[in-house]
Amino acid sequence: MRIGDLARKAGTTMRTIRYYEQLGLIAPAARTRGGFRLYEEDELRKLRLIKNLQLVETSLSQVKAIFEQRRRGRIASEVAGGLSALLEQQLRKVQQRIAQFRAMETSLQETIEILRCCAECSFEPGPNVCPRCPVITARSGIPLHMQAVIGLAHCANESAGHPSRMPAEGSDRLLTAATSNGSRRSDTD
């Protein structure tokens, strides 16, 4: 089939196919007398496989390494070791990303919980007020997203020429309503 047919069947563009050729991921089986590339069904299968691998965040360099490992061996024992090492490396990267996403999820959840309490607060947010809030001090640390909220509030106040309004030291009013609504984290959270 010609490159246009291949692109249409694979759900990609001719430009992408040419790029994959440059990378050595696919290759035309032949050319017509007029110089048109002709591809076999194997290349269509490769294109679909590449597309699916990219959906699970496999880079083109990783795809190329997998394809090259497969080409190097004729029997499974010649291929298995190299492919296992490549895939184990990719697995470690995926596990790291999962850990990062879990940390982000926790930060987002905790920040949302804190912000729900902030809805009851009458103080101007900022680095002089928020870190002393009982809702925040009851936690092991300030979630990353909340740090951004506090920092942005501080930056906005400074750019407007207003220092953060700070309650009197030891003020009992500081988020009294927020802490009484039962939003403190327990050890089971």
C-alpha atoms as a PDB file:
ATOM      1  CA  MET A   1       0.000   0.000   0.000  1.00  0.00           C
ATOM      2  CA  ARG A   2       1.108   3.586  -0.549  1.00  0.00           C
ATOM      3  CA  ILE A   3       1.997   5.962   2.272  1.00  0.00           C
ATOM      4  CA  GLY A   4      -1.373   7.759   2.130  1.00  0.00           C
ATOM      5  CA  ASP A   5      -3.262   4.483   2.489  1.00  0.00           C
ATOM      6  CA  LEU A   6      -0.997   3.409   5.323  1.00  0.00           C
ATOM      7  CA  ALA A   7      -1.505   6.722   7.142  1.00  0.00           C
ATOM      8  CA  ARG A   8      -5.269   6.509   6.779  1.00  0.00           C
ATOM      9  CA  LYS A   9      -5.449   2.904   8.017  1.00  0.00           C
ATOM     10  CA  ALA A  10      -3.096   3.604  10.932  1.00  0.00           C
ATOM     11  CA  GLY A  11      -4.888   6.805  11.928  1.00  0.00           C
ATOM     12  CA  THR A  12      -1.766   8.918  11.586  1.00  0.00           C
ATOM     13  CA  THR A  13      -0.184  11.313   9.093  1.00  0.00           C
ATOM     14  CA  MET A  14       2.229  10.805   6.229  1.00  0.00           C
ATOM     15  CA  ARG A  15       4.616  13.179   7.974  1.00  0.00           C
ATOM     16  CA  THR A  16       4.614  10.937  11.069  1.00  0.00           C
ATOM     17  CA  ILE A  17       5.290   7.889   8.921  1.00  0.00           C
ATOM     18  CA  ARG A  18       8.256   9.621   7.268  1.00  0.00           C
ATOM     19  CA  TYR A  19       9.555  10.614  10.696  1.00  0.00           C
ATOM     20  CA  TYR A  20       9.264   7.027  11.938  1.00  0.00           C
ATOM     21  CA  GLU A  21      11.191   5.936   8.868  1.00  0.00           C
ATOM     22  CA  GLN A  22      13.977   8.381   9.725  1.00  0.00           C
ATOM     23  CA  LEU A  23      14.105   6.908  13.221  1.00  0.00           C
ATOM     24  CA  GLY A  24      14.287   3.400  11.788  1.00  0.00           C
ATOM     25  CA  LEU A  25      11.014   2.258  13.332  1.00  0.00           C
ATOM     26  CA  ILE A  26       9.389   1.309  10.043  1.00  0.00           C
ATOM     27  CA  ALA A  27      10.549   0.924   6.473  1.00  0.00           C
ATOM     28  CA  PRO A  28       8.888   0.663   3.089  1.00  0.00           C
ATOM     29  CA  ALA A  29       9.020  -2.779   1.526  1.00  0.00           C
ATOM     30  CA  ALA A  30       9.665  -1.309  -1.907  1.00  0.00           C
ATOM     31  CA  ARG A  31       9.241   1.734  -4.130  1.00  0.00           C
ATOM     32  CA  THR A  32       7.353   2.104  -7.354  1.00  0.00           C
ATOM     33  CA  ARG A  33       9.134   3.185 -10.535  1.00  0.00           C
ATOM     34  CA  GLY A  34       7.835   6.660  -9.793  1.00  0.00           C
ATOM     35  CA  GLY A  35       9.515   6.608  -6.364  1.00  0.00           C
ATOM     36  CA  PHE A  36       6.384   6.123  -4.256  1.00  0.00           C
ATOM     37  CA  ARG A  37       6.897   4.169  -1.051  1.00  0.00           C
ATOM     38  CA  LEU A  38       5.053   0.871  -0.748  1.00  0.00           C
ATOM     39  CA  TYR A  39       4.352  -0.725   2.621  1.00  0.00           C
ATOM     40  CA  GLU A  40       3.259  -4.154   3.764  1.00  0.00           C
ATOM     41  CA  GLU A  41       0.737  -5.045   6.474  1.00  0.00           C
ATOM     42  CA  ASP A  42       3.594  -5.564   8.965  1.00  0.00           C
ATOM     43  CA  GLU A  43       4.301  -1.832   8.906  1.00  0.00           C
ATOM     44  CA  LEU A  44       0.639  -1.113   9.619  1.00  0.00           C
ATOM     45  CA  ARG A  45       0.819  -3.439  12.645  1.00  0.00           C
ATOM     46  CA  LYS A  46       4.000  -1.663  13.802  1.00  0.00           C
ATOM     47  CA  LEU A  47       2.348   1.743  13.473  1.00  0.00           C
ATOM     48  CA  ARG A  48      -0.632   0.616  15.525  1.00  0.00           C
ATOM     49  CA  LEU A  49       1.706  -0.878  18.125  1.00  0.00           C
ATOM     50  CA  ILE A  50       3.742   2.344  18.301  1.00  0.00           C
ATOM     51  CA  LYS A  51       0.553   4.346  18.758  1.00  0.00           C
ATOM     52  CA  ASN A  52      -0.628   2.045  21.573  1.00  0.00           C
ATOM     53  CA  LEU A  53       2.771   2.128  23.280  1.00  0.00           C
ATOM     54  CA  GLN A  54       2.744   5.921  23.151  1.00  0.00           C
ATOM     55  CA  LEU A  55      -0.675   5.927  24.820  1.00  0.00           C
ATOM     56  CA  VAL A  56       0.978   4.313  27.840  1.00  0.00           C
ATOM     57  CA  GLU A  57       3.785   6.889  27.680  1.00  0.00           C
ATOM     58  CA  THR A  58       6.444   4.779  26.025  1.00  0.00           C
ATOM     59  CA  SER A  59       8.839   7.149  24.295  1.00  0.00           C
ATOM     60  CA  LEU A  60       9.877   6.626  20.688  1.00  0.00           C
ATOM     61  CA  SER A  61      13.431   5.942  21.846  1.00  0.00           C
ATOM     62  CA  GLN A  62      12.089   3.168  24.090  1.00  0.00           C
ATOM     63  CA  VAL A  63       9.987   1.786  21.233  1.00  0.00           C
ATOM     64  CA  LYS A  64      13.064   1.806  19.006  1.00  0.00           C
ATOM     65  CA  ALA A  65      15.119   0.013  21.670  1.00  0.00           C
ATOM     66  CA  ILE A  66      12.418  -2.663  22.012  1.00  0.00           C
ATOM     67  CA  PHE A  67      12.241  -3.134  18.234  1.00  0.00           C
ATOM     68  CA  GLU A  68      16.047  -3.341  17.981  1.00  0.00           C
ATOM     69  CA  GLN A  69      16.251  -5.893  20.796  1.00  0.00           C
ATOM     70  CA  ARG A  70      13.648  -7.994  19.031  1.00  0.00           C
ATOM     71  CA  ARG A  71      15.512  -7.829  15.706  1.00  0.00           C
ATOM     72  CA  ARG A  72      18.789  -8.925  17.302  1.00  0.00           C
ATOM     73  CA  GLY A  73      17.613 -12.376  18.213  1.00  0.00           C
ATOM     74  CA  ARG A  74      16.008 -15.226  16.347  1.00  0.00           C
ATOM     75  CA  ILE A  75      15.004 -17.253  19.398  1.00  0.00           C
ATOM     76  CA  ALA A  76      13.429 -16.208  22.684  1.00  0.00           C
ATOM     77  CA  SER A  77      16.568 -16.772  24.761  1.00  0.00           C
ATOM     78  CA  GLU A  78      18.463 -14.285  22.564  1.00  0.00           C
ATOM     79  CA  VAL A  79      15.756 -11.641  23.005  1.00  0.00           C
ATOM     80  CA  ALA A  80      14.454 -12.133  26.548  1.00  0.00           C
ATOM     81  CA  GLY A  81      17.382 -10.804  28.580  1.00  0.00           C
ATOM     82  CA  GLY A  82      17.727  -7.500  26.742  1.00  0.00           C
ATOM     83  CA  LEU A  83      13.988  -6.908  26.571  1.00  0.00           C
ATOM     84  CA  SER A  84      13.553  -7.713  30.260  1.00  0.00           C
ATOM     85  CA  ALA A  85      16.215  -5.156  31.182  1.00  0.00           C
ATOM     86  CA  LEU A  86      14.574  -2.487  29.013  1.00  0.00           C
ATOM     87  CA  LEU A  87      11.122  -3.161  30.392  1.00  0.00           C
ATOM     88  CA  GLU A  88      12.350  -3.287  33.996  1.00  0.00           C
ATOM     89  CA  GLN A  89      13.886   0.153  33.479  1.00  0.00           C
ATOM     90  CA  GLN A  90      10.588   1.432  32.083  1.00  0.00           C
ATOM     91  CA  LEU A  91       8.716  -0.184  35.003  1.00  0.00           C
ATOM     92  CA  ARG A  92      10.913   1.688  37.518  1.00  0.00           C
ATOM     93  CA  LYS A  93      10.127   4.973  35.759  1.00  0.00           C
ATOM     94  CA  VAL A  94       6.399   4.177  35.803  1.00  0.00           C
ATOM     95  CA  GLN A  95       6.573   3.327  39.517  1.00  0.00           C
ATOM     96  CA  GLN A  96       8.314   6.651  40.185  1.00  0.00           C
ATOM     97  CA  ARG A  97       5.619   8.504  38.244  1.00  0.00           C
ATOM     98  CA  ILE A  98       2.898   6.661  40.156  1.00  0.00           C
ATOM     99  CA  ALA A  99       4.529   7.701  43.449  1.00  0.00           C
ATOM    100  CA  GLN A 100       4.664  11.300  42.217  1.00  0.00           C
ATOM    101  CA  PHE A 101       1.002  11.194  41.210  1.00  0.00           C
ATOM    102  CA  ARG A 102       0.042   9.705  44.597  1.00  0.00           C
ATOM    103  CA  ALA A 103       1.931  12.493  46.382  1.00  0.00           C
ATOM    104  CA  MET A 104       0.192  15.030  44.154  1.00  0.00           C
ATOM    105  CA  GLU A 105      -3.173  13.431  44.891  1.00  0.00           C
ATOM    106  CA  THR A 106      -2.536  13.632  48.637  1.00  0.00           C
ATOM    107  CA  SER A 107      -1.420  17.256  48.378  1.00  0.00           C
ATOM    108  CA  LEU A 108      -4.509  18.175  46.375  1.00  0.00           C
ATOM    109  CA  GLN A 109      -6.863  16.382  48.761  1.00  0.00           C
ATOM    110  CA  GLU A 110      -5.292  17.990  51.826  1.00  0.00           C
ATOM    111  CA  THR A 111      -5.267  21.435  50.238  1.00  0.00           C
ATOM    112  CA  ILE A 112      -8.949  21.097  49.333  1.00  0.00           C
ATOM    113  CA  GLU A 113      -9.720  20.095  52.942  1.00  0.00           C
ATOM    114  CA  ILE A 114      -7.811  23.127  54.241  1.00  0.00           C
ATOM    115  CA  LEU A 115      -9.465  25.471  51.753  1.00  0.00           C
ATOM    116  CA  ARG A 116     -12.895  24.264  52.860  1.00  0.00           C
ATOM    117  CA  CYS A 117     -11.923  25.412  56.340  1.00  0.00           C
ATOM    118  CA  CYS A 118     -10.568  28.672  54.919  1.00  0.00           C
ATOM    119  CA  ALA A 119     -14.098  29.484  53.794  1.00  0.00           C
ATOM    120  CA  GLU A 120     -14.843  30.199  57.483  1.00  0.00           C
ATOM    121  CA  CYS A 121     -11.699  32.300  58.062  1.00  0.00           C
ATOM    122  CA  SER A 122     -11.864  36.088  58.360  1.00  0.00           C
ATOM    123  CA  PHE A 123      -8.104  36.709  58.095  1.00  0.00           C
ATOM    124  CA  GLU A 124      -6.187  37.700  54.998  1.00  0.00           C
ATOM    125  CA  PRO A 125      -4.192  34.672  53.832  1.00  0.00           C
ATOM    126  CA  GLY A 126      -0.432  34.807  53.733  1.00  0.00           C
ATOM    127  CA  PRO A 127       2.789  33.352  55.141  1.00  0.00           C
ATOM    128  CA  ASN A 128       2.394  35.269  58.408  1.00  0.00           C
ATOM    129  CA  VAL A 129      -1.080  33.916  59.140  1.00  0.00           C
ATOM    130  CA  CYS A 130      -1.724  30.567  57.457  1.00  0.00           C
ATOM    131  CA  PRO A 131       1.197  28.551  58.909  1.00  0.00           C
ATOM    132  CA  ARG A 132      -0.160  29.314  62.415  1.00  0.00           C
ATOM    133  CA  CYS A 133      -3.667  28.168  61.544  1.00  0.00           C
ATOM    134  CA  PRO A 134      -4.748  25.199  63.719  1.00  0.00           C
ATOM    135  CA  VAL A 135      -6.087  23.395  60.668  1.00  0.00           C
ATOM    136  CA  ILE A 136      -2.609  23.479  59.140  1.00  0.00           C
ATOM    137  CA  THR A 137      -0.589  22.967  62.335  1.00  0.00           C
ATOM    138  CA  ALA A 138      -2.602  19.814  63.063  1.00  0.00           C
ATOM    139  CA  ARG A 139      -0.952  18.269  59.981  1.00  0.00           C
ATOM    140  CA  SER A 140       2.549  16.925  59.637  1.00  0.00           C
ATOM    141  CA  GLY A 141       3.341  19.660  57.118  1.00  0.00           C
ATOM    142  CA  ILE A 142       1.848  22.175  54.739  1.00  0.00           C
ATOM    143  CA  PRO A 143       0.779  20.419  51.512  1.00  0.00           C
ATOM    144  CA  LEU A 144       2.640  21.603  48.413  1.00  0.00           C
ATOM    145  CA  HIS A 145      -0.473  23.022  46.773  1.00  0.00           C
ATOM    146  CA  MET A 146      -1.351  24.930  49.959  1.00  0.00           C
ATOM    147  CA  GLN A 147       2.195  26.337  50.025  1.00  0.00           C
ATOM    148  CA  ALA A 148       1.495  27.717  46.565  1.00  0.00           C
ATOM    149  CA  VAL A 149      -1.808  29.228  47.725  1.00  0.00           C
ATOM    150  CA  ILE A 150      -0.133  30.861  50.742  1.00  0.00           C
ATOM    151  CA  GLY A 151       2.778  32.092  48.631  1.00  0.00           C
ATOM    152  CA  LEU A 152       0.518  33.483  45.918  1.00  0.00           C
ATOM    153  CA  ALA A 153      -1.560  35.301  48.504  1.00  0.00           C
ATOM    154  CA  HIS A 154       1.622  36.855  49.872  1.00  0.00           C
ATOM    155  CA  CYS A 155       2.809  37.875  46.389  1.00  0.00           C
ATOM    156  CA  ALA A 156      -0.577  39.387  45.550  1.00  0.00           C
ATOM    157  CA  ASN A 157      -0.580  41.404  48.794  1.00  0.00           C
ATOM    158  CA  GLU A 158       2.942  42.697  48.219  1.00  0.00           C
ATOM    159  CA  SER A 159       2.240  43.704  44.625  1.00  0.00           C
ATOM    160  CA  ALA A 160      -0.876  45.563  45.772  1.00  0.00           C
ATOM    161  CA  GLY A 161       1.186  47.337  48.455  1.00  0.00           C
ATOM    162  CA  HIS A 162      -0.644  45.648  51.353  1.00  0.00           C
ATOM    163  CA  PRO A 163       1.226  43.671  53.995  1.00  0.00           C
ATOM    164  CA  SER A 164      -0.650  40.556  55.138  1.00  0.00           C
ATOM    165  CA  ARG A 165      -3.084  41.385  57.907  1.00  0.00           C
ATOM    166  CA  MET A 166      -1.982  39.374  60.892  1.00  0.00           C
ATOM    167  CA  PRO A 167      -4.020  38.513  63.976  1.00  0.00           C
ATOM    168  CA  ALA A 168      -2.748  39.377  67.422  1.00  0.00           C
ATOM    169  CA  GLU A 169      -0.358  36.793  68.843  1.00  0.00           C
ATOM    170  CA  GLY A 170      -2.252  33.923  70.486  1.00  0.00           C
ATOM    171  CA  SER A 171      -5.551  35.024  69.000  1.00  0.00           C
ATOM    172  CA  ASP A 172      -8.274  32.502  69.732  1.00  0.00           C
ATOM    173  CA  ARG A 173     -10.257  33.733  66.778  1.00  0.00           C
ATOM    174  CA  LEU A 174      -7.847  32.192  64.265  1.00  0.00           C
ATOM    175  CA  LEU A 175     -10.033  29.774  62.389  1.00  0.00           C
ATOM    176  CA  THR A 176     -12.072  28.814  65.426  1.00  0.00           C
ATOM    177  CA  ALA A 177     -14.976  28.035  63.160  1.00  0.00           C
ATOM    178  CA  ALA A 178     -12.735  26.009  60.856  1.00  0.00           C
ATOM    179  CA  THR A 179     -11.323  23.830  63.604  1.00  0.00           C
ATOM    180  CA  SER A 180     -14.686  23.212  65.184  1.00  0.00           C
ATOM    181  CA  ASN A 181     -16.162  21.731  62.020  1.00  0.00           C
ATOM    182  CA  GLY A 182     -14.365  18.407  62.523  1.00  0.00           C
ATOM    183  CA  SER A 183     -12.056  18.716  59.531  1.00  0.00           C
ATOM    184  CA  ARG A 184      -8.864  17.796  61.380  1.00  0.00           C
ATOM    185  CA  ARG A 185      -7.051  14.831  59.968  1.00  0.00           C
ATOM    186  CA  SER A 186      -7.007  11.688  61.980  1.00  0.00           C
ATOM    187  CA  ASP A 187      -4.266   9.066  62.001  1.00  0.00           C
ATOM    188  CA  THR A 188      -6.428   6.896  59.742  1.00  0.00           C
ATOM    189  CA  ASP A 189      -6.600   9.503  56.910  1.00  0.00           C
END
